[in-house]
N, C-alpha and C. Protein backbone atom coordinates (compact mmCIF):
# COMPACT_ATOMS: atom_id res chain seq x y z
N UNK A 1 -17.37 -10.53 9.44
CA UNK A 1 -16.29 -11.47 9.72
C UNK A 1 -14.90 -10.72 9.58
N UNK A 2 -14.83 -9.98 8.47
CA UNK A 2 -13.56 -9.30 8.13
C UNK A 2 -13.22 -8.35 9.25
N UNK A 3 -14.18 -7.65 9.76
CA UNK A 3 -13.90 -6.58 10.82
C UNK A 3 -13.55 -7.31 12.08
N UNK A 4 -14.29 -8.45 12.39
CA UNK A 4 -13.95 -9.10 13.58
C UNK A 4 -12.62 -9.68 13.65
N UNK A 5 -12.04 -10.19 12.52
CA UNK A 5 -10.71 -10.63 12.46
C UNK A 5 -9.69 -9.51 12.63
N UNK A 6 -10.02 -8.33 12.05
CA UNK A 6 -9.17 -7.18 12.15
C UNK A 6 -9.12 -6.64 13.55
N UNK A 7 -10.24 -6.54 14.24
CA UNK A 7 -10.23 -6.07 15.63
C UNK A 7 -9.47 -7.06 16.55
N UNK A 8 -9.74 -8.41 16.36
CA UNK A 8 -9.00 -9.40 17.11
C UNK A 8 -7.52 -9.37 16.91
N UNK A 9 -7.04 -9.16 15.73
CA UNK A 9 -5.58 -9.13 15.45
C UNK A 9 -5.03 -7.87 16.04
N UNK A 10 -5.71 -6.75 15.91
CA UNK A 10 -5.17 -5.50 16.44
C UNK A 10 -5.14 -5.59 17.90
N UNK A 11 -6.15 -6.06 18.55
CA UNK A 11 -6.05 -6.30 20.03
C UNK A 11 -4.94 -7.07 20.51
N UNK A 12 -4.77 -8.20 19.79
CA UNK A 12 -3.68 -9.10 20.09
C UNK A 12 -2.24 -8.47 19.98
N UNK A 13 -2.11 -7.73 18.87
CA UNK A 13 -0.83 -6.92 18.69
C UNK A 13 -0.73 -5.84 19.74
N UNK A 14 -1.77 -5.22 20.09
CA UNK A 14 -1.69 -4.17 21.21
C UNK A 14 -1.23 -4.77 22.47
N UNK A 15 -1.63 -6.05 22.84
CA UNK A 15 -1.19 -6.67 24.05
C UNK A 15 0.31 -7.08 23.91
N UNK A 16 0.58 -7.71 22.84
CA UNK A 16 1.96 -8.20 22.65
C UNK A 16 3.04 -7.23 22.13
N UNK A 17 2.61 -6.30 21.33
CA UNK A 17 3.61 -5.38 20.68
C UNK A 17 3.55 -3.86 21.06
N UNK A 18 2.51 -3.50 21.70
CA UNK A 18 2.22 -2.06 22.12
C UNK A 18 1.43 -1.37 21.11
N UNK A 19 1.14 -0.12 21.50
CA UNK A 19 0.23 0.72 20.69
C UNK A 19 0.74 1.06 19.22
N UNK A 20 2.04 1.30 19.18
CA UNK A 20 2.64 1.69 17.80
C UNK A 20 2.54 0.59 16.84
N UNK A 21 2.87 -0.64 17.27
CA UNK A 21 2.81 -1.81 16.29
C UNK A 21 1.27 -2.09 16.05
N UNK A 22 0.35 -2.02 16.93
CA UNK A 22 -0.97 -2.26 16.67
C UNK A 22 -1.69 -1.26 15.86
N UNK A 23 -1.39 -0.02 16.03
CA UNK A 23 -1.98 1.07 15.10
C UNK A 23 -1.34 0.98 13.80
N UNK A 24 0.00 0.66 13.72
CA UNK A 24 0.55 0.54 12.41
C UNK A 24 -0.03 -0.58 11.61
N UNK A 25 -0.29 -1.68 12.23
CA UNK A 25 -0.96 -2.88 11.56
C UNK A 25 -2.34 -2.52 11.16
N UNK A 26 -3.08 -1.88 12.00
CA UNK A 26 -4.55 -1.60 11.80
C UNK A 26 -4.68 -0.59 10.57
N UNK A 27 -3.77 0.44 10.46
CA UNK A 27 -3.93 1.37 9.45
C UNK A 27 -3.33 0.94 8.19
N UNK A 28 -2.24 0.19 8.21
CA UNK A 28 -1.50 -0.12 7.01
C UNK A 28 -2.02 -1.42 6.40
N UNK A 29 -2.10 -2.52 7.19
CA UNK A 29 -2.42 -3.84 6.59
C UNK A 29 -3.90 -4.13 6.83
N UNK A 30 -4.46 -3.74 7.96
CA UNK A 30 -5.83 -4.13 8.27
C UNK A 30 -6.85 -3.46 7.44
N UNK A 31 -6.60 -2.19 7.18
CA UNK A 31 -7.58 -1.37 6.25
C UNK A 31 -7.49 -1.93 4.85
N UNK A 32 -6.30 -2.25 4.45
CA UNK A 32 -6.15 -2.85 3.11
C UNK A 32 -6.87 -4.20 2.97
N UNK A 33 -6.70 -4.97 4.02
CA UNK A 33 -7.39 -6.30 4.07
C UNK A 33 -8.86 -6.17 3.98
N UNK A 34 -9.35 -5.28 4.66
CA UNK A 34 -10.83 -5.14 4.76
C UNK A 34 -11.30 -4.63 3.48
N UNK A 35 -10.56 -3.69 2.79
CA UNK A 35 -10.91 -3.13 1.58
C UNK A 35 -10.95 -4.16 0.47
N UNK A 36 -9.80 -4.97 0.36
CA UNK A 36 -9.73 -6.04 -0.57
C UNK A 36 -10.77 -7.08 -0.44
N UNK A 37 -10.99 -7.45 0.84
CA UNK A 37 -12.02 -8.52 1.14
C UNK A 37 -13.43 -8.12 0.71
N UNK A 38 -13.78 -6.78 1.01
CA UNK A 38 -15.09 -6.20 0.58
C UNK A 38 -15.24 -6.18 -0.96
N UNK A 39 -14.23 -5.76 -1.56
CA UNK A 39 -14.22 -5.65 -3.01
C UNK A 39 -14.23 -6.97 -3.69
N UNK A 40 -13.47 -7.91 -3.13
CA UNK A 40 -13.50 -9.23 -3.75
C UNK A 40 -14.81 -9.97 -3.55
N UNK A 41 -15.32 -9.81 -2.42
CA UNK A 41 -16.64 -10.51 -2.14
C UNK A 41 -17.78 -9.92 -2.95
N UNK A 42 -17.61 -8.69 -3.43
CA UNK A 42 -18.62 -8.07 -4.27
C UNK A 42 -18.24 -8.35 -5.77
N UNK A 43 -17.23 -9.15 -6.03
CA UNK A 43 -16.82 -9.48 -7.37
C UNK A 43 -16.48 -8.21 -8.25
N UNK A 44 -15.79 -7.28 -7.62
CA UNK A 44 -15.42 -6.06 -8.38
C UNK A 44 -14.24 -6.38 -9.24
N UNK A 45 -14.11 -5.84 -10.36
CA UNK A 45 -13.06 -6.03 -11.40
C UNK A 45 -11.70 -5.53 -10.80
N UNK A 46 -10.66 -6.23 -11.28
CA UNK A 46 -9.34 -5.77 -10.86
C UNK A 46 -9.00 -4.33 -11.17
N UNK A 47 -9.51 -3.87 -12.28
CA UNK A 47 -9.27 -2.52 -12.77
C UNK A 47 -9.68 -1.44 -11.68
N UNK A 48 -10.73 -1.79 -10.86
CA UNK A 48 -11.17 -0.89 -9.82
C UNK A 48 -10.50 -1.30 -8.52
N UNK A 49 -10.41 -2.59 -8.26
CA UNK A 49 -9.86 -3.12 -6.97
C UNK A 49 -8.46 -2.69 -6.66
N UNK A 50 -7.53 -2.76 -7.60
CA UNK A 50 -6.20 -2.41 -7.39
C UNK A 50 -5.99 -0.88 -7.11
N UNK A 51 -6.55 0.06 -7.90
CA UNK A 51 -6.33 1.43 -7.50
C UNK A 51 -7.07 1.83 -6.26
N UNK A 52 -8.24 1.25 -5.88
CA UNK A 52 -8.91 1.65 -4.68
C UNK A 52 -8.20 1.17 -3.48
N UNK A 53 -7.73 -0.15 -3.53
CA UNK A 53 -6.84 -0.59 -2.46
C UNK A 53 -5.56 0.12 -2.30
N UNK A 54 -4.89 0.54 -3.42
CA UNK A 54 -3.71 1.29 -3.41
C UNK A 54 -3.94 2.71 -2.69
N UNK A 55 -5.11 3.33 -2.96
CA UNK A 55 -5.37 4.61 -2.28
C UNK A 55 -5.56 4.40 -0.78
N UNK A 56 -6.23 3.24 -0.41
CA UNK A 56 -6.38 3.01 1.00
C UNK A 56 -5.07 2.74 1.66
N UNK A 57 -4.12 2.01 0.97
CA UNK A 57 -2.83 1.70 1.51
C UNK A 57 -1.99 2.96 1.66
N UNK A 58 -2.05 3.81 0.64
CA UNK A 58 -1.30 5.13 0.71
C UNK A 58 -1.79 5.93 1.90
N UNK A 59 -3.09 6.03 2.06
CA UNK A 59 -3.65 6.69 3.20
C UNK A 59 -3.18 6.03 4.48
N UNK A 60 -3.18 4.77 4.52
CA UNK A 60 -2.67 4.04 5.76
C UNK A 60 -1.23 4.34 6.09
N UNK A 61 -0.41 4.51 5.10
CA UNK A 61 1.01 4.83 5.29
C UNK A 61 1.12 6.14 5.95
N UNK A 62 0.28 7.13 5.50
CA UNK A 62 0.45 8.46 6.01
C UNK A 62 -0.19 8.49 7.42
N UNK A 63 -1.26 7.78 7.62
CA UNK A 63 -1.91 7.76 8.96
C UNK A 63 -0.93 7.09 9.93
N UNK A 64 -0.30 6.07 9.47
CA UNK A 64 0.67 5.42 10.30
C UNK A 64 1.87 6.30 10.70
N UNK A 65 2.31 7.14 9.71
CA UNK A 65 3.31 8.06 10.06
C UNK A 65 2.84 9.14 11.01
N UNK A 66 1.58 9.55 10.85
CA UNK A 66 0.92 10.51 11.77
C UNK A 66 0.88 9.90 13.20
N UNK A 67 0.45 8.71 13.34
CA UNK A 67 0.35 8.09 14.55
C UNK A 67 1.78 7.93 15.21
N UNK A 68 2.73 7.53 14.37
CA UNK A 68 4.10 7.43 14.96
C UNK A 68 4.55 8.87 15.45
N UNK A 69 4.21 9.91 14.66
CA UNK A 69 4.67 11.17 15.10
C UNK A 69 3.99 11.60 16.45
N UNK A 70 2.73 11.23 16.58
CA UNK A 70 2.00 11.61 17.82
C UNK A 70 2.54 10.87 18.96
N UNK A 71 2.84 9.52 18.84
CA UNK A 71 3.35 8.77 19.94
C UNK A 71 4.80 9.10 20.27
N UNK A 72 5.58 9.49 19.25
CA UNK A 72 7.05 9.81 19.54
C UNK A 72 7.21 11.33 19.78
N UNK A 73 6.13 12.10 19.63
CA UNK A 73 6.20 13.60 19.87
C UNK A 73 7.23 14.25 18.98
N UNK A 74 7.38 13.78 17.74
CA UNK A 74 8.18 14.31 16.73
C UNK A 74 7.44 14.21 15.40
N UNK A 75 7.72 15.27 14.54
CA UNK A 75 7.12 15.21 13.19
C UNK A 75 7.96 14.25 12.27
N UNK A 76 7.66 13.05 12.25
CA UNK A 76 8.46 11.99 11.48
C UNK A 76 8.40 12.40 9.98
N UNK A 77 7.27 12.73 9.44
CA UNK A 77 7.26 13.03 8.01
C UNK A 77 8.10 14.25 7.72
N UNK A 78 8.00 15.26 8.51
CA UNK A 78 8.90 16.46 8.28
C UNK A 78 10.38 16.17 8.41
N UNK A 79 10.76 15.29 9.27
CA UNK A 79 12.16 14.80 9.47
C UNK A 79 12.60 14.09 8.20
N UNK A 80 11.72 13.23 7.69
CA UNK A 80 12.12 12.47 6.46
C UNK A 80 12.24 13.38 5.25
N UNK A 81 11.30 14.28 5.10
CA UNK A 81 11.30 15.23 4.04
C UNK A 81 12.53 16.20 4.07
N UNK A 82 12.86 16.55 5.27
CA UNK A 82 14.14 17.47 5.46
C UNK A 82 15.31 16.64 5.07
N UNK A 83 15.49 15.42 5.38
CA UNK A 83 16.61 14.63 5.04
C UNK A 83 16.68 14.39 3.46
N UNK A 84 15.50 14.20 2.90
CA UNK A 84 15.48 14.01 1.45
C UNK A 84 15.78 15.30 0.76
N UNK A 85 15.32 16.48 1.25
CA UNK A 85 15.59 17.76 0.61
C UNK A 85 17.11 18.02 0.77
N UNK A 86 17.76 17.83 1.87
CA UNK A 86 19.19 17.93 2.03
C UNK A 86 19.98 17.01 1.13
N UNK A 87 19.49 15.78 0.91
CA UNK A 87 20.20 14.89 0.07
C UNK A 87 20.08 15.39 -1.46
N UNK A 88 18.92 15.82 -1.88
CA UNK A 88 18.72 16.35 -3.21
C UNK A 88 19.46 17.51 -3.44
N UNK A 89 19.58 18.43 -2.40
CA UNK A 89 20.43 19.67 -2.50
C UNK A 89 21.89 19.31 -2.67
N UNK A 90 22.35 18.28 -1.95
CA UNK A 90 23.78 17.88 -2.17
C UNK A 90 23.96 17.34 -3.54
N UNK A 91 23.09 16.49 -3.95
CA UNK A 91 23.10 15.91 -5.31
C UNK A 91 23.10 17.05 -6.39
N UNK A 92 22.27 17.99 -6.29
CA UNK A 92 22.18 19.10 -7.13
C UNK A 92 23.49 19.90 -7.26
N UNK A 93 24.13 20.06 -6.02
CA UNK A 93 25.37 20.85 -5.93
C UNK A 93 26.54 19.97 -6.64
N UNK A 94 26.42 18.58 -6.42
CA UNK A 94 27.46 17.78 -6.93
C UNK A 94 27.42 17.80 -8.52
N UNK A 95 26.16 17.83 -9.07
CA UNK A 95 26.08 17.85 -10.54
C UNK A 95 26.22 19.25 -11.15
N UNK A 96 26.22 20.20 -10.31
CA UNK A 96 26.53 21.53 -10.81
C UNK A 96 25.25 22.30 -11.03
N UNK A 97 24.12 21.98 -10.57
CA UNK A 97 22.87 22.74 -10.65
C UNK A 97 22.86 23.86 -9.66
N UNK A 98 22.15 24.87 -9.84
CA UNK A 98 22.15 26.10 -8.95
C UNK A 98 21.60 25.78 -7.66
N UNK A 99 20.46 25.11 -7.62
CA UNK A 99 19.85 24.81 -6.34
C UNK A 99 18.93 23.59 -6.47
N UNK A 100 18.43 23.11 -5.37
CA UNK A 100 17.63 21.96 -5.34
C UNK A 100 16.19 22.38 -5.73
N UNK A 101 15.42 21.41 -6.03
CA UNK A 101 13.89 21.72 -6.40
C UNK A 101 13.17 22.15 -5.18
N UNK A 102 12.12 22.83 -5.38
CA UNK A 102 11.22 23.35 -4.22
C UNK A 102 10.76 22.22 -3.48
N UNK A 103 10.40 22.45 -2.25
CA UNK A 103 9.99 21.55 -1.24
C UNK A 103 8.63 20.94 -1.67
N UNK A 104 7.79 21.75 -2.33
CA UNK A 104 6.54 21.25 -2.76
C UNK A 104 6.68 20.21 -3.77
N UNK A 105 7.64 20.33 -4.77
CA UNK A 105 7.89 19.39 -5.69
C UNK A 105 8.42 18.13 -5.07
N UNK A 106 9.28 18.21 -4.05
CA UNK A 106 9.77 16.99 -3.37
C UNK A 106 8.60 16.25 -2.61
N UNK A 107 7.75 17.05 -2.01
CA UNK A 107 6.57 16.33 -1.36
C UNK A 107 5.63 15.66 -2.34
N UNK A 108 5.39 16.33 -3.48
CA UNK A 108 4.62 15.75 -4.51
C UNK A 108 5.27 14.51 -5.07
N UNK A 109 6.52 14.49 -5.27
CA UNK A 109 7.29 13.28 -5.72
C UNK A 109 7.20 12.25 -4.70
N UNK A 110 7.32 12.54 -3.46
CA UNK A 110 7.20 11.49 -2.42
C UNK A 110 5.82 10.84 -2.36
N UNK A 111 4.81 11.64 -2.48
CA UNK A 111 3.46 11.10 -2.47
C UNK A 111 3.25 10.20 -3.75
N UNK A 112 3.77 10.71 -4.90
CA UNK A 112 3.74 9.91 -6.11
C UNK A 112 4.49 8.51 -6.02
N UNK A 113 5.62 8.55 -5.39
CA UNK A 113 6.35 7.36 -5.25
C UNK A 113 5.69 6.35 -4.28
N UNK A 114 5.13 6.83 -3.17
CA UNK A 114 4.37 6.04 -2.31
C UNK A 114 3.10 5.42 -2.96
N UNK A 115 2.47 6.28 -3.74
CA UNK A 115 1.29 5.69 -4.47
C UNK A 115 1.70 4.64 -5.56
N UNK A 116 2.78 4.93 -6.22
CA UNK A 116 3.32 3.89 -7.18
C UNK A 116 3.72 2.62 -6.53
N UNK A 117 4.37 2.78 -5.34
CA UNK A 117 4.71 1.63 -4.49
C UNK A 117 3.47 0.83 -4.12
N UNK A 118 2.41 1.51 -3.69
CA UNK A 118 1.16 0.78 -3.29
C UNK A 118 0.54 0.13 -4.58
N UNK A 119 0.52 0.76 -5.71
CA UNK A 119 -0.05 0.19 -6.89
C UNK A 119 0.68 -1.11 -7.27
N UNK A 120 2.00 -1.10 -7.29
CA UNK A 120 2.78 -2.25 -7.68
C UNK A 120 2.59 -3.27 -6.57
N UNK A 121 2.59 -2.99 -5.22
CA UNK A 121 2.40 -4.00 -4.23
C UNK A 121 1.02 -4.68 -4.33
N UNK A 122 0.01 -3.91 -4.62
CA UNK A 122 -1.36 -4.54 -4.66
C UNK A 122 -1.59 -5.27 -5.96
N UNK A 123 -0.97 -4.87 -7.12
CA UNK A 123 -1.05 -5.61 -8.32
C UNK A 123 -0.30 -7.02 -8.13
N UNK A 124 0.81 -6.90 -7.57
CA UNK A 124 1.52 -8.19 -7.29
C UNK A 124 0.77 -9.16 -6.24
N UNK A 125 0.07 -8.42 -5.31
CA UNK A 125 -0.72 -9.19 -4.34
C UNK A 125 -1.92 -9.90 -5.04
N UNK A 126 -2.54 -9.21 -5.99
CA UNK A 126 -3.65 -9.79 -6.72
C UNK A 126 -3.16 -10.98 -7.59
N UNK A 127 -2.11 -10.77 -8.24
CA UNK A 127 -1.49 -11.89 -9.10
C UNK A 127 -1.15 -13.08 -8.22
N UNK A 128 -0.56 -12.81 -7.11
CA UNK A 128 -0.13 -14.05 -6.25
C UNK A 128 -1.34 -14.69 -5.67
N UNK A 129 -2.37 -13.95 -5.22
CA UNK A 129 -3.58 -14.57 -4.78
C UNK A 129 -4.27 -15.43 -5.84
N UNK A 130 -4.31 -14.81 -7.06
CA UNK A 130 -4.95 -15.49 -8.20
C UNK A 130 -4.23 -16.74 -8.44
N UNK A 131 -2.85 -16.67 -8.39
CA UNK A 131 -1.99 -17.95 -8.72
C UNK A 131 -2.07 -18.92 -7.63
N UNK A 132 -1.97 -18.51 -6.39
CA UNK A 132 -1.88 -19.58 -5.25
C UNK A 132 -3.19 -20.00 -4.82
N UNK A 133 -4.24 -19.12 -4.69
CA UNK A 133 -5.48 -19.45 -4.10
C UNK A 133 -6.62 -19.56 -5.07
N UNK A 134 -6.50 -18.93 -6.26
CA UNK A 134 -7.58 -19.02 -7.19
C UNK A 134 -7.20 -19.72 -8.46
N UNK A 135 -5.91 -20.16 -8.50
CA UNK A 135 -5.39 -20.81 -9.63
C UNK A 135 -5.47 -20.12 -10.96
N UNK A 136 -5.67 -18.76 -10.86
CA UNK A 136 -5.65 -17.89 -11.99
C UNK A 136 -6.86 -18.01 -12.91
N UNK A 137 -7.81 -18.73 -12.55
CA UNK A 137 -9.01 -18.88 -13.51
C UNK A 137 -9.97 -17.73 -13.27
N UNK A 138 -10.58 -17.29 -14.35
CA UNK A 138 -11.57 -16.24 -14.28
C UNK A 138 -12.80 -16.64 -13.42
N UNK A 139 -13.42 -15.79 -12.82
CA UNK A 139 -14.61 -16.04 -12.03
C UNK A 139 -14.29 -16.67 -10.66
N UNK A 140 -13.15 -16.45 -10.12
CA UNK A 140 -12.87 -16.97 -8.80
C UNK A 140 -13.40 -15.99 -7.72
N UNK A 141 -13.11 -16.22 -6.44
CA UNK A 141 -13.52 -15.32 -5.44
C UNK A 141 -12.92 -13.99 -5.50
N UNK A 142 -11.85 -13.81 -6.26
CA UNK A 142 -11.06 -12.66 -6.47
C UNK A 142 -11.58 -11.75 -7.56
N UNK A 143 -12.81 -12.04 -8.02
CA UNK A 143 -13.27 -11.27 -9.22
C UNK A 143 -12.72 -11.97 -10.37
N UNK A 144 -13.01 -11.34 -11.59
CA UNK A 144 -12.63 -11.94 -12.88
C UNK A 144 -11.16 -11.66 -13.01
N UNK A 145 -10.28 -12.69 -13.03
CA UNK A 145 -8.89 -12.55 -13.36
C UNK A 145 -8.72 -12.10 -14.82
N UNK A 146 -8.01 -10.98 -15.13
CA UNK A 146 -7.93 -10.64 -16.52
C UNK A 146 -7.31 -11.70 -17.39
N UNK A 147 -7.70 -11.77 -18.66
CA UNK A 147 -7.18 -12.81 -19.51
C UNK A 147 -5.66 -12.70 -19.77
N UNK A 148 -5.13 -11.43 -19.73
CA UNK A 148 -3.65 -11.29 -19.96
C UNK A 148 -2.94 -11.88 -18.73
N UNK A 149 -3.50 -11.77 -17.52
CA UNK A 149 -2.84 -12.34 -16.39
C UNK A 149 -2.87 -13.83 -16.36
N UNK A 150 -4.06 -14.44 -16.80
CA UNK A 150 -4.14 -15.89 -16.84
C UNK A 150 -3.21 -16.47 -17.86
N UNK A 151 -3.01 -15.69 -18.95
CA UNK A 151 -2.07 -16.16 -20.06
C UNK A 151 -0.72 -16.10 -19.49
N UNK A 152 -0.30 -15.11 -18.77
CA UNK A 152 1.08 -14.90 -18.30
C UNK A 152 1.36 -16.04 -17.24
N UNK A 153 0.32 -16.33 -16.38
CA UNK A 153 0.50 -17.38 -15.38
C UNK A 153 0.47 -18.78 -16.00
N UNK A 154 -0.05 -18.89 -17.28
CA UNK A 154 -0.11 -20.14 -17.91
C UNK A 154 -1.34 -20.98 -17.36
N UNK A 155 -2.36 -20.39 -16.78
CA UNK A 155 -3.39 -21.13 -16.26
C UNK A 155 -4.63 -20.97 -17.06
N UNK A 156 -4.54 -20.49 -18.29
CA UNK A 156 -5.69 -20.34 -19.16
C UNK A 156 -6.14 -21.55 -19.70
N UNK A 157 -7.43 -22.06 -19.52
CA UNK A 157 -7.84 -23.35 -19.90
C UNK A 157 -7.98 -23.38 -21.40
N UNK A 158 -7.55 -24.40 -22.04
CA UNK A 158 -7.67 -24.50 -23.57
C UNK A 158 -9.25 -24.66 -23.95
N UNK A 159 -9.54 -24.03 -25.13
CA UNK A 159 -10.89 -24.19 -25.52
C UNK A 159 -11.11 -25.34 -26.46
């Protein structure tokens, strides 16, 4: 059912928005939706669901950039990294440092920031789904909501 919804949505976006929008949705949001759906239906704990979904989202971001690069016939990731490197070089010169950091360090930092963004996004997504759809109670369809989260949400049932 999850994959059928993914294929239907992607085909509709392909017809209405074109190949770039459809592939971007499929890689970025569709793969995360399928991953979360499969993990939640298996009642996997949040401690595993959030990092696994974040890795899928991070890979989806890079595949989406690769797809954009292929369709535009430009290396979009290289252009972004070149601009960031130039900006860091100017900042380093403004503060009085000798030179900017190595390009490998900038690439590693970019991957780390994207992974951190994915982790925060999916943690927030889990909390919002628990609050809005599962009412934050443990044992919902979203796996066991951690006790700390249910306390923060104020949905812990008194004993």
